[in-house]
Protein backbone atom coordinates (compact mmCIF):
# COMPACT_ATOMS: atom_id res chain seq x y z
CA MET A 1 -9.53 -5.46 30.67
CA LYS A 2 -12.19 -7.99 29.04
CA ALA A 3 -11.33 -9.87 26.22
CA ILE A 4 -12.52 -12.83 24.24
CA VAL A 5 -9.50 -15.64 24.56
CA HIS A 6 -8.94 -19.62 23.30
CA ASP A 7 -6.05 -21.32 24.83
CA VAL A 8 -6.99 -24.61 22.91
CA TYR A 9 -8.84 -25.08 19.04
CA GLY A 10 -11.47 -26.48 18.05
CA PRO A 11 -15.58 -24.67 17.89
CA ALA A 12 -16.85 -21.50 19.23
CA ASP A 13 -17.09 -23.50 22.53
CA VAL A 14 -13.70 -23.12 23.21
CA LEU A 15 -13.63 -19.20 23.39
CA ARG A 16 -14.00 -17.75 26.86
CA LEU A 17 -14.49 -14.19 28.37
CA ARG A 18 -11.97 -13.44 30.40
CA GLU A 19 -10.05 -10.96 32.70
CA VAL A 20 -6.31 -10.18 30.73
CA ASP A 21 -4.04 -7.41 31.12
CA LYS A 22 -3.61 -4.49 28.60
CA PRO A 23 -1.67 -5.70 25.85
CA PRO A 24 1.88 -2.96 25.78
CA ILE A 25 2.08 -1.19 22.90
CA GLY A 26 5.83 -1.17 21.00
CA ASP A 27 7.36 2.09 19.24
CA ASP A 28 5.69 1.92 16.06
CA GLU A 29 1.85 0.94 17.57
CA VAL A 30 -0.91 2.43 18.91
CA LEU A 31 -3.27 0.76 21.82
CA VAL A 32 -6.77 1.44 20.61
CA GLU A 33 -9.65 1.63 22.67
CA VAL A 34 -11.84 -1.44 20.95
CA ARG A 35 -15.58 -0.37 19.91
CA ALA A 36 -16.36 -2.57 16.94
CA ALA A 37 -15.04 -5.74 15.75
CA GLY A 38 -15.21 -7.63 12.64
CA VAL A 39 -16.14 -11.68 12.23
CA ASP A 40 -14.81 -13.02 9.39
CA PRO A 41 -13.90 -16.06 7.64
CA GLY A 42 -9.87 -15.47 9.26
CA VAL A 43 -11.34 -15.73 12.78
CA TRP A 44 -12.87 -18.73 12.15
CA ILE A 45 -9.35 -20.72 10.87
CA PHE A 46 -7.62 -18.94 13.72
CA MET A 47 -10.28 -20.51 16.50
CA THR A 48 -10.13 -24.21 15.45
CA GLY A 49 -6.62 -24.24 13.63
CA ARG A 50 -8.07 -25.46 10.37
CA PRO A 51 -6.33 -26.38 8.14
CA MET A 52 -3.08 -27.67 9.49
CA ALA A 53 -1.16 -25.23 7.28
CA VAL A 54 -1.96 -22.23 9.74
CA ARG A 55 -0.70 -23.94 12.88
CA LEU A 56 2.67 -23.24 11.18
CA ALA A 57 2.15 -19.59 12.00
CA VAL A 58 0.40 -19.40 15.24
CA GLY A 59 0.72 -22.26 17.15
CA LEU A 60 1.41 -26.33 16.32
CA ARG A 61 -0.70 -27.77 19.37
CA ARG A 62 -2.30 -24.77 20.51
CA PRO A 63 -2.55 -21.31 19.75
CA ARG A 64 0.60 -19.07 21.03
CA ALA A 65 -1.60 -16.00 21.24
CA ALA A 66 -4.93 -16.38 23.50
CA GLY A 67 -6.67 -13.32 21.76
CA LEU A 68 -8.88 -13.57 18.39
CA GLY A 69 -9.86 -10.72 16.37
CA ARG A 70 -7.93 -8.66 13.40
CA ALA A 71 -10.41 -6.47 12.13
CA VAL A 72 -11.24 -3.21 14.33
CA ALA A 73 -12.88 0.01 14.53
CA GLY A 74 -12.00 2.49 18.47
CA THR A 75 -10.26 5.01 19.57
CA VAL A 76 -6.72 5.70 19.90
CA VAL A 77 -6.05 5.92 23.38
CA GLU A 78 -1.87 5.57 23.34
CA VAL A 79 0.38 5.67 20.98
CA GLY A 80 4.17 4.30 20.72
CA ALA A 81 7.53 7.08 20.24
CA GLY A 82 7.89 6.81 16.83
CA VAL A 83 3.84 6.81 16.06
CA SER A 84 3.62 10.40 13.49
CA ARG A 85 0.47 9.63 12.04
CA LEU A 86 -1.91 8.99 14.83
CA ARG A 87 -2.73 10.90 18.13
CA PRO A 88 -4.89 10.01 21.15
CA GLY A 89 -8.78 10.78 20.83
CA ASP A 90 -8.42 9.74 16.95
CA GLU A 91 -11.24 7.39 15.40
CA VAL A 92 -9.65 5.00 13.92
CA TYR A 93 -10.09 1.79 11.53
CA GLY A 94 -8.12 -1.27 10.31
CA THR A 95 -6.59 -4.55 11.32
CA CYS A 96 -4.88 -5.36 14.87
CA HIS A 97 -2.91 -7.96 16.18
CA SER A 98 -3.53 -8.31 19.91
CA GLY A 99 -6.90 -9.61 19.32
CA SER A 100 -9.65 -7.38 18.58
CA PHE A 101 -12.53 -9.19 20.33
CA ALA A 102 -11.59 -7.21 23.62
CA GLN A 103 -11.86 -3.64 25.40
CA PHE A 104 -8.79 -2.78 24.00
CA ALA A 105 -6.39 -3.88 21.51
CA THR A 106 -2.66 -2.97 19.58
CA ALA A 107 -2.26 -2.29 16.07
CA ARG A 108 0.83 -0.88 13.92
CA GLN A 109 0.11 2.51 12.52
CA HIS A 110 0.38 1.66 9.01
CA ARG A 111 -2.39 -0.43 9.17
CA LEU A 112 -5.23 2.08 10.49
CA ALA A 113 -6.61 4.74 8.83
CA VAL A 114 -8.98 7.42 10.31
CA LYS A 115 -12.25 5.98 10.49
CA PRO A 116 -14.90 7.59 8.13
CA VAL A 117 -17.34 10.52 9.55
CA SER A 118 -20.57 9.04 8.04
CA LEU A 119 -20.29 5.19 9.73
CA THR A 120 -20.56 3.96 12.94
CA PHE A 121 -17.98 2.06 14.67
CA GLU A 122 -20.10 -1.01 14.44
CA GLN A 123 -20.39 -0.32 10.60
CA ALA A 124 -16.58 1.28 10.58
CA ALA A 125 -15.60 -2.47 11.92
CA ALA A 126 -17.06 -4.63 8.88
CA ILE A 127 -14.32 -3.16 6.42
CA PRO A 128 -10.94 -3.17 6.97
CA ILE A 129 -10.08 -7.09 5.61
CA SER A 130 -13.80 -7.76 3.47
CA ALA A 131 -13.13 -4.51 1.73
CA VAL A 132 -9.96 -4.08 1.18
CA THR A 133 -9.86 -7.82 0.04
CA ALA A 134 -12.52 -6.89 -2.86
CA LEU A 135 -10.44 -3.87 -3.77
CA GLN A 136 -7.80 -5.86 -4.11
CA SER A 137 -9.63 -8.56 -6.01
CA ILE A 138 -10.72 -5.98 -8.23
CA ARG A 139 -7.80 -4.16 -8.75
CA ASP A 140 -6.05 -8.19 -9.56
CA ALA A 141 -8.52 -8.31 -11.64
CA HIS A 142 -8.33 -5.05 -13.54
CA VAL A 143 -12.07 -4.49 -13.57
CA ARG A 144 -12.98 -1.52 -16.30
CA ALA A 145 -16.18 0.66 -17.31
CA GLY A 146 -17.98 -1.94 -19.83
CA GLN A 147 -17.07 -5.22 -19.03
CA ARG A 148 -19.29 -8.00 -18.11
CA VAL A 149 -18.35 -8.94 -14.06
CA LEU A 150 -19.73 -11.73 -12.45
CA VAL A 151 -19.73 -12.25 -8.55
CA THR A 152 -20.08 -15.11 -6.50
CA GLY A 153 -21.14 -15.18 -2.65
CA ALA A 154 -22.80 -11.48 -3.83
CA GLY A 155 -24.74 -11.33 -0.95
CA GLY A 156 -21.61 -11.99 1.45
CA GLY A 157 -19.37 -10.39 3.19
CA VAL A 158 -16.31 -9.84 0.30
CA GLY A 159 -18.76 -10.48 -2.20
CA SER A 160 -21.25 -7.34 -0.84
CA PHE A 161 -18.33 -5.07 -1.38
CA VAL A 162 -17.14 -6.18 -4.68
CA VAL A 163 -20.38 -6.03 -6.63
CA GLN A 164 -20.29 -1.79 -5.03
CA LEU A 165 -16.93 -1.66 -6.29
CA ALA A 166 -17.41 -2.90 -9.26
CA THR A 167 -20.28 -1.29 -9.99
CA ALA A 168 -18.30 2.21 -9.13
CA ARG A 169 -15.92 1.37 -12.19
CA GLY A 170 -18.57 0.96 -14.36
CA ALA A 171 -18.84 -2.67 -14.97
CA SER A 172 -21.83 -4.16 -15.18
CA VAL A 173 -22.49 -6.77 -12.32
CA THR A 174 -24.18 -9.90 -11.90
CA GLY A 175 -24.44 -11.29 -8.70
CA VAL A 176 -24.82 -15.02 -7.48
CA CYS A 177 -26.76 -15.56 -4.64
CA SER A 178 -29.18 -17.41 -2.56
CA THR A 179 -32.77 -16.95 -2.91
CA SER A 180 -32.99 -15.01 0.17
CA LYS A 181 -30.20 -12.54 -0.69
CA LEU A 182 -31.09 -11.85 -4.59
CA GLU A 183 -32.93 -7.97 -3.59
CA LEU A 184 -29.78 -6.80 -1.46
CA VAL A 185 -27.12 -7.71 -4.29
CA ARG A 186 -29.65 -5.61 -6.64
CA SER A 187 -30.01 -3.14 -4.12
CA LEU A 188 -25.80 -3.21 -3.88
CA GLY A 189 -25.95 -2.27 -8.10
CA ALA A 190 -26.10 -5.46 -9.25
CA GLU A 191 -28.17 -5.44 -12.95
CA HIS A 192 -28.80 -9.36 -12.79
CA VAL A 193 -28.68 -11.86 -10.40
CA ILE A 194 -28.52 -15.47 -10.60
CA ASP A 195 -30.11 -17.80 -7.65
CA TYR A 196 -27.75 -20.36 -7.31
CA THR A 197 -30.12 -22.53 -5.81
CA GLU A 198 -31.85 -22.57 -9.37
CA HIS A 199 -29.50 -21.99 -11.64
CA GLU A 200 -25.77 -22.86 -12.10
CA ILE A 201 -23.38 -19.94 -13.83
CA ASP A 202 -23.31 -21.40 -17.02
CA HIS A 203 -27.01 -22.27 -17.21
CA ASP A 204 -27.72 -19.35 -20.01
CA GLY A 205 -24.29 -20.24 -21.85
CA MET A 206 -23.07 -16.13 -20.86
CA ARG A 207 -19.58 -15.46 -20.93
CA TYR A 208 -18.16 -13.22 -18.53
CA ASP A 209 -15.16 -10.74 -19.10
CA VAL A 210 -13.91 -11.12 -15.23
CA ILE A 211 -15.64 -13.19 -12.70
CA ILE A 212 -14.66 -12.98 -9.14
CA ASP A 213 -15.09 -16.08 -6.91
CA THR A 214 -15.57 -15.43 -3.59
CA ALA A 215 -17.33 -18.26 -2.87
CA GLY A 216 -14.41 -20.77 -3.05
CA ASN A 217 -17.44 -23.63 -4.21
CA ARG A 218 -16.94 -24.22 -7.33
CA SER A 219 -14.51 -25.72 -9.97
CA VAL A 220 -11.79 -24.06 -11.74
CA PRO A 221 -13.27 -25.72 -14.38
CA LEU A 222 -16.84 -24.46 -14.43
CA LEU A 223 -15.45 -20.78 -13.64
CA ARG A 224 -13.65 -21.04 -17.65
CA ARG A 225 -16.72 -21.97 -18.77
CA ALA A 226 -18.76 -19.36 -17.97
CA THR A 227 -15.56 -16.72 -18.77
CA ALA A 228 -15.01 -15.08 -21.75
CA PRO A 229 -11.60 -16.77 -23.91
CA ARG A 230 -9.40 -14.13 -23.33
CA GLY A 231 -11.55 -13.11 -19.42
CA THR A 232 -9.71 -13.52 -16.06
CA ILE A 233 -11.04 -15.61 -13.26
CA ALA A 234 -9.75 -14.01 -9.66
CA LEU A 235 -10.03 -16.40 -6.77
CA VAL A 236 -10.75 -15.16 -3.37
CA GLY A 237 -9.47 -16.73 -0.30
CA GLY A 238 -10.37 -20.55 0.60
CA GLY A 239 -13.22 -19.90 3.26
CA HIS A 240 -14.63 -22.93 4.68
CA ALA A 241 -13.39 -25.01 1.62
CA THR A 242 -12.33 -28.38 2.53
CA GLY A 243 -9.19 -29.78 2.54
CA TRP A 244 -7.32 -30.54 5.96
CA LEU A 245 -4.15 -29.18 4.96
CA LEU A 246 -4.67 -26.00 2.79
CA GLY A 247 -8.85 -25.43 3.38
CA GLY A 248 -8.85 -24.36 -0.65
CA PHE A 249 -6.07 -21.91 -0.55
CA GLN A 250 -4.13 -24.57 -2.77
CA ARG A 251 -6.53 -23.02 -6.08
CA GLN A 252 -5.02 -19.66 -4.99
CA MET A 253 -1.11 -20.97 -5.05
CA ALA A 254 -1.72 -22.18 -8.54
CA ALA A 255 -3.51 -20.02 -10.30
CA PRO A 256 -0.04 -18.53 -12.02
CA LEU A 257 -0.20 -22.24 -13.21
CA LEU A 258 -4.01 -22.52 -14.04
CA SER A 259 -3.15 -18.98 -16.09
CA LEU A 260 -0.73 -20.84 -18.28
CA LEU A 261 -3.34 -23.96 -19.19
CA GLY A 262 -5.26 -22.00 -21.15
CA SER A 263 -6.34 -18.47 -22.57
CA GLN A 264 -7.81 -17.22 -20.03
CA ARG A 265 -6.27 -15.32 -16.71
CA VAL A 266 -6.37 -16.93 -13.25
CA CYS A 267 -5.49 -15.14 -10.08
CA GLY A 268 -5.22 -15.60 -6.77
CA VAL A 269 -6.26 -12.89 -4.39
CA THR A 270 -5.16 -12.16 -0.83
CA GLY A 271 -5.74 -8.72 0.91
CA ARG A 272 -3.11 -6.50 2.06
CA GLU A 273 -2.92 -4.92 5.05
CA ARG A 274 -2.25 -1.09 4.53
CA HIS A 275 -3.73 1.85 5.87
CA GLU A 276 -3.82 3.43 1.78
CA ASP A 277 -6.30 0.83 0.83
CA LEU A 278 -8.64 1.84 3.92
CA ASP A 279 -8.00 5.47 2.66
CA GLU A 280 -9.31 4.88 -0.33
CA LEU A 281 -12.01 2.76 0.78
CA THR A 282 -12.85 6.08 2.73
CA ALA A 283 -13.49 8.06 0.16
CA LEU A 284 -15.14 5.99 -2.04
CA ILE A 285 -17.48 5.61 1.44
CA GLU A 286 -17.99 9.35 1.97
CA ALA A 287 -18.77 9.83 -1.72
CA GLY A 288 -21.49 7.29 -1.00
CA SER A 289 -20.12 5.02 -3.63
CA LEU A 290 -19.75 2.16 -0.67
CA ALA A 291 -21.61 1.23 2.52
CA PRO A 292 -20.97 -2.01 4.64
CA VAL A 293 -24.12 -4.47 5.03
CA ILE A 294 -24.19 -5.65 8.77
CA ASP A 295 -25.60 -8.97 8.86
CA ARG A 296 -26.09 -9.24 12.78
CA ALA A 297 -23.80 -7.13 15.61
CA TYR A 298 -23.39 -9.24 19.07
CA PRO A 299 -21.93 -7.90 22.45
CA LEU A 300 -18.49 -9.21 23.39
CA ALA A 301 -19.70 -12.04 25.77
CA ALA A 302 -21.77 -13.01 22.85
CA ALA A 303 -18.86 -13.37 20.44
CA PRO A 304 -18.84 -17.56 20.72
CA ASP A 305 -22.39 -17.32 19.09
CA ALA A 306 -21.27 -14.56 16.65
CA MET A 307 -18.69 -17.44 15.43
CA ARG A 308 -21.47 -20.45 15.73
CA HIS A 309 -23.50 -17.32 12.95
CA LEU A 310 -20.83 -17.36 10.90
CA ALA A 311 -19.32 -21.12 11.02
CA GLN A 312 -23.42 -21.94 10.10
CA GLY A 313 -22.48 -20.32 6.38
CA HIS A 314 -24.37 -17.39 4.46
CA PRO A 315 -24.48 -14.53 6.77
CA ALA A 316 -25.75 -11.35 4.67
CA GLY A 317 -23.01 -9.07 4.69
CA LYS A 318 -21.09 -8.81 7.82
CA ILE A 319 -21.09 -10.06 11.41
CA VAL A 320 -19.57 -7.84 13.97
CA VAL A 321 -19.26 -7.79 17.82
CA THR A 322 -19.75 -4.71 19.54
CA VAL A 323 -17.65 -3.86 22.76
């Protein structure tokens, strides 16, 4: 099969399209014929090996696994002896562990769900990591009807889902984005938008019940100034934040301590990989309350270009690779 692989850490130039063996499956795993794969900051982190802390998990000097990509959408072609939830022929989406930038990938059954009928494979591949993280941020921040919720990075991969999920819960959403994404963010349900090229989030003195910070480039003191005294700040991911060791994830790690230093609750958000969350998102998708925004799709051979586009920053919604 064909797959995108890398033998060393570095920019997109290290990626190669090669012929490799199909990955074997374990008892609790399935083999998926990949139709599309999601591109997200986590893929960039594993490709570059930055921040350095990630190398403790994936290889200090060079990547232990050559494959790349986690989010996947495709068709089950083989199941392990212990698999009971899925069968060959099922159209699924979720996360894999053998690299989704390939014609075939393996995944544990609890990390896959049946694909929403209303979505194409390309659209479904945009859901598993970004929308699950968005769902977790809504839960962790305890978003509810009537609250004023500010979403930074509202036109991005995670932020575009957060806007829709918060709106579906009945919150009044203000989205922060660049000029080119203002209409997109409004179309996702935001009642108000802030163009960050003209104003900062505290420019009008508004205090929000919840701030969900998906952009990762604002200081905690600034976020506090725009949050109500008993409000909540949810810090989502580290993305391309600076810092050679932790790359911005230190904010999430410090969240419990930050909560003790003020009246506002600060929480660090990380998405979990469970089919139950995908099932919940499927229900929202089929009800018309949630839809992925696709910035651009690239064929498998052009996966390096997809990673370059991600590294340039500010895609409108999600980037995907089609197979």
